[in-house]
Amino acid sequence: MRIQENCLYCEKPLTGRTDKKYCDLHCKSAYQYQKQRLEPERFYNKVDNQLRLNRKLLKEYNRAGKSIIRSKVLLDAGFDPNFFTHYWKNQKGEVYLFVYEYGFLKKFENEKEKYVLVIWQEYMAKNLGKYGLRRA
């Protein structure tokens, strides 16, 4: 006695094993993909996707190791400054937010909002006790 009469994806009659659910691997994969798309995106996936996008944008706009860019450019590309992995405070008390090894600091120059982009440096790790590094 067959448990499933037709393929769950394409509805074709099944042959072979009695516990078979799909006619081939393509239908199995397509069914799983379709099922996944109907489910709401998990919180973890949203956070991970935004962190990856933020890292990609910071890397793209900071090829020199340190640069300044208008915040509008990053924000229009999909950057969200609320998603970061850790932060570092320098001697001046400025707090750089980091997405893995790429950091940013919000500044106002000439009445325009800008970001100073940096890459994590070894000297930042040496000052952990004195200036503090916090993981999100």
N, C-alpha and C. Protein backbone atom coordinates (compact mmCIF):
# COMPACT_ATOMS: atom_id res chain seq x y z
N MET A 1 0.84 -1.19 0.00
CA MET A 1 0.00 0.00 0.00
C MET A 1 0.89 1.25 0.00
N ARG A 2 0.66 2.14 -0.96
CA ARG A 2 1.44 3.34 -1.15
C ARG A 2 0.97 4.44 -0.18
N ILE A 3 1.93 5.10 0.47
CA ILE A 3 1.63 6.18 1.41
C ILE A 3 1.22 7.44 0.65
N GLN A 4 1.97 7.78 -0.38
CA GLN A 4 1.72 8.97 -1.19
C GLN A 4 1.47 8.51 -2.63
N GLU A 5 0.30 8.82 -3.18
CA GLU A 5 -0.05 8.37 -4.54
C GLU A 5 0.63 9.20 -5.63
N ASN A 6 0.70 10.52 -5.43
CA ASN A 6 1.25 11.42 -6.44
C ASN A 6 2.41 12.23 -5.87
N CYS A 7 3.28 12.69 -6.76
CA CYS A 7 4.41 13.54 -6.40
C CYS A 7 3.89 14.82 -5.73
N LEU A 8 4.51 15.21 -4.63
CA LEU A 8 4.06 16.41 -3.90
C LEU A 8 4.26 17.69 -4.70
N TYR A 9 5.17 17.68 -5.67
CA TYR A 9 5.44 18.89 -6.44
C TYR A 9 4.67 18.92 -7.76
N CYS A 10 4.86 17.90 -8.59
CA CYS A 10 4.29 17.94 -9.95
C CYS A 10 3.00 17.14 -10.09
N GLU A 11 2.59 16.43 -9.05
CA GLU A 11 1.33 15.67 -9.02
C GLU A 11 1.31 14.45 -9.94
N LYS A 12 2.44 14.04 -10.51
CA LYS A 12 2.48 12.85 -11.36
C LYS A 12 2.37 11.61 -10.47
N PRO A 13 1.79 10.53 -10.98
CA PRO A 13 1.70 9.29 -10.20
C PRO A 13 3.10 8.75 -9.89
N LEU A 14 3.27 8.23 -8.69
CA LEU A 14 4.57 7.72 -8.26
C LEU A 14 4.68 6.22 -8.51
N THR A 15 5.90 5.81 -8.83
CA THR A 15 6.19 4.39 -8.98
C THR A 15 7.44 4.08 -8.17
N GLY A 16 7.62 2.81 -7.80
CA GLY A 16 8.81 2.45 -7.04
C GLY A 16 8.47 2.23 -5.59
N ARG A 17 9.32 2.70 -4.70
CA ARG A 17 9.14 2.48 -3.26
C ARG A 17 7.81 3.00 -2.78
N THR A 18 7.25 2.34 -1.77
CA THR A 18 5.93 2.72 -1.26
C THR A 18 5.96 4.02 -0.44
N ASP A 19 7.12 4.39 0.09
CA ASP A 19 7.21 5.61 0.89
C ASP A 19 7.75 6.80 0.10
N LYS A 20 7.79 6.66 -1.21
CA LYS A 20 8.29 7.72 -2.09
C LYS A 20 7.33 8.92 -2.08
N LYS A 21 7.89 10.14 -2.05
CA LYS A 21 7.08 11.36 -2.03
C LYS A 21 7.23 12.19 -3.30
N TYR A 22 8.36 12.03 -3.99
CA TYR A 22 8.67 12.84 -5.17
C TYR A 22 9.07 11.91 -6.30
N CYS A 23 8.83 12.33 -7.53
CA CYS A 23 9.19 11.48 -8.66
C CYS A 23 10.69 11.52 -8.96
N ASP A 24 11.38 12.64 -8.65
CA ASP A 24 12.84 12.72 -8.86
C ASP A 24 13.43 13.81 -7.95
N LEU A 25 14.74 13.97 -8.02
CA LEU A 25 15.42 14.95 -7.18
C LEU A 25 15.04 16.38 -7.52
N HIS A 26 14.76 16.64 -8.79
CA HIS A 26 14.34 17.99 -9.20
C HIS A 26 13.04 18.37 -8.48
N CYS A 27 12.07 17.49 -8.47
CA CYS A 27 10.80 17.78 -7.82
C CYS A 27 10.98 17.94 -6.30
N LYS A 28 11.84 17.13 -5.71
CA LYS A 28 12.09 17.25 -4.28
C LYS A 28 12.69 18.61 -3.96
N SER A 29 13.70 19.02 -4.72
CA SER A 29 14.35 20.30 -4.51
C SER A 29 13.39 21.46 -4.74
N ALA A 30 12.63 21.41 -5.82
CA ALA A 30 11.68 22.47 -6.15
C ALA A 30 10.60 22.59 -5.08
N TYR A 31 10.13 21.47 -4.56
CA TYR A 31 9.11 21.47 -3.51
C TYR A 31 9.66 22.12 -2.23
N GLN A 32 10.88 21.73 -1.85
CA GLN A 32 11.48 22.30 -0.65
C GLN A 32 11.71 23.81 -0.80
N TYR A 33 12.15 24.24 -1.99
CA TYR A 33 12.37 25.65 -2.25
C TYR A 33 11.04 26.42 -2.16
N GLN A 34 10.01 25.86 -2.77
CA GLN A 34 8.68 26.49 -2.74
C GLN A 34 8.15 26.58 -1.31
N LYS A 35 8.34 25.53 -0.54
CA LYS A 35 7.88 25.50 0.85
C LYS A 35 8.62 26.55 1.68
N GLN A 36 9.94 26.68 1.45
CA GLN A 36 10.75 27.63 2.19
C GLN A 36 10.34 29.07 1.90
N ARG A 37 9.99 29.35 0.65
CA ARG A 37 9.60 30.71 0.27
C ARG A 37 8.29 31.14 0.91
N LEU A 38 7.42 30.20 1.21
CA LEU A 38 6.14 30.52 1.82
C LEU A 38 6.28 30.87 3.30
N GLU A 39 7.33 30.36 3.94
CA GLU A 39 7.56 30.64 5.35
C GLU A 39 8.15 32.04 5.51
N PRO A 40 7.82 32.74 6.59
CA PRO A 40 8.42 34.05 6.82
C PRO A 40 9.91 33.91 7.09
N GLU A 41 10.67 34.94 6.71
CA GLU A 41 12.11 34.92 6.91
C GLU A 41 12.42 34.92 8.40
N ARG A 42 13.33 34.07 8.82
CA ARG A 42 13.69 33.98 10.23
C ARG A 42 14.51 35.20 10.64
N PHE A 43 14.39 35.57 11.90
CA PHE A 43 15.10 36.73 12.43
C PHE A 43 16.60 36.60 12.21
N TYR A 44 17.15 35.40 12.48
CA TYR A 44 18.58 35.18 12.30
C TYR A 44 19.00 35.47 10.86
N ASN A 45 18.20 35.04 9.90
CA ASN A 45 18.53 35.27 8.49
C ASN A 45 18.51 36.75 8.15
N LYS A 46 17.55 37.48 8.70
CA LYS A 46 17.48 38.92 8.45
C LYS A 46 18.74 39.63 8.96
N VAL A 47 19.13 39.28 10.17
CA VAL A 47 20.31 39.89 10.78
C VAL A 47 21.56 39.53 9.98
N ASP A 48 21.71 38.25 9.67
CA ASP A 48 22.89 37.79 8.93
C ASP A 48 22.97 38.45 7.55
N ASN A 49 21.85 38.53 6.86
CA ASN A 49 21.84 39.16 5.54
C ASN A 49 22.22 40.63 5.61
N GLN A 50 21.72 41.34 6.62
CA GLN A 50 22.04 42.76 6.75
C GLN A 50 23.51 42.95 7.12
N LEU A 51 24.04 42.10 8.00
CA LEU A 51 25.47 42.19 8.34
C LEU A 51 26.34 41.94 7.12
N ARG A 52 25.98 40.96 6.31
CA ARG A 52 26.76 40.67 5.11
C ARG A 52 26.72 41.84 4.14
N LEU A 53 25.53 42.44 3.97
CA LEU A 53 25.41 43.60 3.08
C LEU A 53 26.23 44.77 3.62
N ASN A 54 26.13 45.05 4.93
CA ASN A 54 26.91 46.14 5.53
C ASN A 54 28.40 45.92 5.32
N ARG A 55 28.89 44.70 5.55
CA ARG A 55 30.32 44.41 5.39
C ARG A 55 30.74 44.61 3.94
N LYS A 56 29.92 44.14 3.02
CA LYS A 56 30.23 44.28 1.59
C LYS A 56 30.35 45.75 1.20
N LEU A 57 29.41 46.58 1.67
CA LEU A 57 29.43 48.01 1.34
C LEU A 57 30.62 48.72 1.99
N LEU A 58 30.91 48.41 3.23
CA LEU A 58 32.06 49.04 3.89
C LEU A 58 33.35 48.65 3.20
N LYS A 59 33.46 47.41 2.79
CA LYS A 59 34.66 46.96 2.07
C LYS A 59 34.78 47.65 0.72
N GLU A 60 33.66 47.78 0.03
CA GLU A 60 33.64 48.38 -1.31
C GLU A 60 34.04 49.85 -1.27
N TYR A 61 33.55 50.58 -0.27
CA TYR A 61 33.82 52.03 -0.22
C TYR A 61 35.07 52.39 0.58
N ASN A 62 35.76 51.39 1.10
CA ASN A 62 36.97 51.67 1.87
C ASN A 62 38.13 50.81 1.37
N ARG A 63 38.57 51.09 0.18
CA ARG A 63 39.67 50.32 -0.40
C ARG A 63 41.03 50.78 0.10
N ALA A 64 41.12 52.01 0.59
CA ALA A 64 42.40 52.59 1.00
C ALA A 64 42.76 52.28 2.45
N GLY A 65 41.83 51.77 3.23
CA GLY A 65 42.11 51.52 4.64
C GLY A 65 41.46 52.55 5.54
N LYS A 66 41.32 53.77 5.05
CA LYS A 66 40.58 54.82 5.75
C LYS A 66 40.02 55.76 4.71
N SER A 67 38.74 56.05 4.81
CA SER A 67 38.11 56.97 3.86
C SER A 67 36.92 57.64 4.52
N ILE A 68 36.45 58.70 3.88
CA ILE A 68 35.27 59.43 4.35
C ILE A 68 34.26 59.43 3.21
N ILE A 69 33.02 59.14 3.55
CA ILE A 69 31.96 59.05 2.54
C ILE A 69 30.69 59.66 3.12
N ARG A 70 29.91 60.28 2.27
CA ARG A 70 28.62 60.83 2.72
C ARG A 70 27.70 59.67 3.11
N SER A 71 26.98 59.87 4.18
CA SER A 71 26.12 58.80 4.68
C SER A 71 25.02 58.44 3.68
N LYS A 72 24.57 59.41 2.90
CA LYS A 72 23.51 59.16 1.93
C LYS A 72 23.91 58.09 0.92
N VAL A 73 25.17 58.09 0.52
CA VAL A 73 25.66 57.11 -0.46
C VAL A 73 25.51 55.70 0.10
N LEU A 74 25.97 55.51 1.35
CA LEU A 74 25.87 54.18 1.97
C LEU A 74 24.43 53.79 2.24
N LEU A 75 23.65 54.71 2.77
CA LEU A 75 22.26 54.41 3.11
C LEU A 75 21.44 54.07 1.87
N ASP A 76 21.69 54.79 0.77
CA ASP A 76 20.97 54.50 -0.47
C ASP A 76 21.33 53.13 -1.04
N ALA A 77 22.51 52.64 -0.71
CA ALA A 77 22.95 51.32 -1.20
C ALA A 77 22.40 50.19 -0.32
N GLY A 78 21.72 50.53 0.78
CA GLY A 78 21.13 49.51 1.64
C GLY A 78 21.82 49.34 2.98
N PHE A 79 22.81 50.17 3.28
CA PHE A 79 23.53 50.09 4.54
C PHE A 79 22.61 50.45 5.70
N ASP A 80 22.69 49.69 6.80
CA ASP A 80 21.92 49.98 8.00
C ASP A 80 22.88 50.06 9.18
N PRO A 81 23.13 51.27 9.71
CA PRO A 81 24.10 51.43 10.79
C PRO A 81 23.69 50.78 12.12
N ASN A 82 22.47 50.32 12.22
CA ASN A 82 22.01 49.66 13.44
C ASN A 82 22.48 48.21 13.55
N PHE A 83 23.08 47.69 12.48
CA PHE A 83 23.57 46.31 12.47
C PHE A 83 25.09 46.32 12.46
N PHE A 84 25.69 45.91 13.57
CA PHE A 84 27.14 45.85 13.69
C PHE A 84 27.50 44.71 14.64
N THR A 85 28.76 44.29 14.61
CA THR A 85 29.17 43.15 15.43
C THR A 85 29.84 43.56 16.73
N HIS A 86 30.57 44.68 16.75
CA HIS A 86 31.22 45.15 17.95
C HIS A 86 31.60 46.62 17.78
N TYR A 87 32.12 47.20 18.85
CA TYR A 87 32.57 48.58 18.74
C TYR A 87 33.88 48.78 19.47
N TRP A 88 34.55 49.89 19.12
CA TRP A 88 35.83 50.24 19.72
C TRP A 88 35.83 51.73 19.99
N LYS A 89 36.33 52.10 21.16
CA LYS A 89 36.38 53.50 21.58
C LYS A 89 37.83 53.97 21.55
N ASN A 90 38.08 55.06 20.84
CA ASN A 90 39.46 55.57 20.76
C ASN A 90 39.77 56.50 21.94
N GLN A 91 40.99 57.06 21.96
CA GLN A 91 41.42 57.92 23.07
C GLN A 91 40.61 59.20 23.18
N LYS A 92 40.05 59.65 22.07
CA LYS A 92 39.23 60.87 22.07
C LYS A 92 37.81 60.60 22.56
N GLY A 93 37.47 59.33 22.74
CA GLY A 93 36.13 58.96 23.18
C GLY A 93 35.17 58.70 22.03
N GLU A 94 35.66 58.73 20.81
CA GLU A 94 34.82 58.44 19.65
C GLU A 94 34.59 56.93 19.56
N VAL A 95 33.37 56.55 19.26
CA VAL A 95 33.02 55.13 19.20
C VAL A 95 32.87 54.70 17.74
N TYR A 96 33.75 53.81 17.32
CA TYR A 96 33.68 53.23 15.98
C TYR A 96 32.87 51.94 16.06
N LEU A 97 31.88 51.82 15.23
CA LEU A 97 31.11 50.59 15.15
C LEU A 97 31.72 49.72 14.06
N PHE A 98 31.81 48.43 14.31
CA PHE A 98 32.45 47.51 13.36
C PHE A 98 31.49 46.45 12.89
N VAL A 99 31.63 46.13 11.61
CA VAL A 99 30.98 44.96 11.02
C VAL A 99 32.14 44.05 10.65
N TYR A 100 32.40 43.10 11.54
CA TYR A 100 33.59 42.24 11.46
C TYR A 100 34.84 43.12 11.43
N GLU A 101 35.61 43.15 10.36
CA GLU A 101 36.86 43.92 10.38
C GLU A 101 36.72 45.33 9.82
N TYR A 102 35.54 45.71 9.36
CA TYR A 102 35.33 47.04 8.77
C TYR A 102 34.53 47.91 9.72
N GLY A 103 35.07 49.10 10.02
CA GLY A 103 34.44 49.98 10.98
C GLY A 103 33.97 51.28 10.37
N PHE A 104 33.08 51.96 11.10
CA PHE A 104 32.57 53.25 10.64
C PHE A 104 32.26 54.12 11.85
N LEU A 105 32.42 55.43 11.64
CA LEU A 105 32.15 56.43 12.67
C LEU A 105 31.33 57.53 12.02
N LYS A 106 30.20 57.85 12.61
CA LYS A 106 29.35 58.91 12.07
C LYS A 106 29.92 60.26 12.50
N LYS A 107 30.05 61.18 11.53
CA LYS A 107 30.57 62.52 11.79
C LYS A 107 29.71 63.54 11.04
N PHE A 108 29.76 64.77 11.52
CA PHE A 108 29.10 65.87 10.81
C PHE A 108 30.18 66.86 10.39
N GLU A 109 30.31 67.08 9.09
CA GLU A 109 31.25 68.05 8.56
C GLU A 109 30.51 68.97 7.59
N ASN A 110 30.65 70.24 7.78
CA ASN A 110 29.98 71.24 6.92
C ASN A 110 28.48 70.97 6.83
N GLU A 111 27.89 70.67 7.99
CA GLU A 111 26.46 70.41 8.10
C GLU A 111 26.00 69.20 7.28
N LYS A 112 26.91 68.30 6.95
CA LYS A 112 26.57 67.09 6.21
C LYS A 112 26.99 65.88 7.03
N GLU A 113 26.11 64.90 7.04
CA GLU A 113 26.39 63.66 7.76
C GLU A 113 27.30 62.78 6.91
N LYS A 114 28.40 62.34 7.52
CA LYS A 114 29.36 61.51 6.80
C LYS A 114 29.77 60.34 7.69
N TYR A 115 30.40 59.36 7.05
CA TYR A 115 30.98 58.24 7.79
C TYR A 115 32.47 58.18 7.52
N VAL A 116 33.24 58.02 8.59
CA VAL A 116 34.66 57.74 8.47
C VAL A 116 34.76 56.21 8.48
N LEU A 117 35.33 55.65 7.42
CA LEU A 117 35.44 54.20 7.29
C LEU A 117 36.88 53.78 7.60
N VAL A 118 37.03 52.74 8.40
CA VAL A 118 38.35 52.23 8.78
C VAL A 118 38.35 50.71 8.71
N ILE A 119 39.56 50.16 8.79
CA ILE A 119 39.73 48.71 8.87
C ILE A 119 40.36 48.41 10.23
N TRP A 120 39.95 47.32 10.86
CA TRP A 120 40.47 46.94 12.16
C TRP A 120 41.99 46.82 12.11
N GLN A 121 42.66 47.41 13.10
CA GLN A 121 44.12 47.41 13.17
C GLN A 121 44.57 46.71 14.45
N GLU A 122 45.78 46.21 14.44
CA GLU A 122 46.34 45.51 15.60
C GLU A 122 46.41 46.39 16.85
N TYR A 123 46.73 47.68 16.67
CA TYR A 123 46.83 48.55 17.84
C TYR A 123 45.50 48.68 18.57
N MET A 124 44.39 48.47 17.87
CA MET A 124 43.08 48.54 18.51
C MET A 124 42.93 47.40 19.52
N ALA A 125 43.47 46.24 19.19
CA ALA A 125 43.38 45.08 20.08
C ALA A 125 44.24 45.29 21.32
N LYS A 126 45.36 46.00 21.18
CA LYS A 126 46.26 46.23 22.32
C LYS A 126 45.63 47.14 23.36
N ASN A 127 44.73 48.01 22.94
CA ASN A 127 44.11 48.97 23.84
C ASN A 127 42.78 48.48 24.42
N LEU A 128 42.52 47.21 24.34
CA LEU A 128 41.22 46.71 24.78
C LEU A 128 40.94 47.02 26.23
N GLY A 129 41.90 46.77 27.10
CA GLY A 129 41.67 47.00 28.52
C GLY A 129 41.46 48.47 28.84
N LYS A 130 42.19 49.32 28.18
CA LYS A 130 42.14 50.75 28.48
C LYS A 130 40.94 51.45 27.85
N TYR A 131 40.63 51.10 26.60
CA TYR A 131 39.58 51.84 25.90
C TYR A 131 38.33 51.02 25.64
N GLY A 132 38.41 49.72 25.72
CA GLY A 132 37.21 48.90 25.67
C GLY A 132 36.79 48.45 24.29
N LEU A 133 36.54 47.19 24.20
CA LEU A 133 35.96 46.58 23.01
C LEU A 133 34.75 45.82 23.48
N ARG A 134 33.66 46.02 22.85
CA ARG A 134 32.44 45.33 23.25
C ARG A 134 31.92 44.53 22.07
N ARG A 135 31.54 43.33 22.33
CA ARG A 135 30.93 42.47 21.31
C ARG A 135 29.42 42.58 21.44
N ALA A 136 28.74 42.66 20.30
CA ALA A 136 27.28 42.75 20.32
C ALA A 136 26.67 41.40 20.64
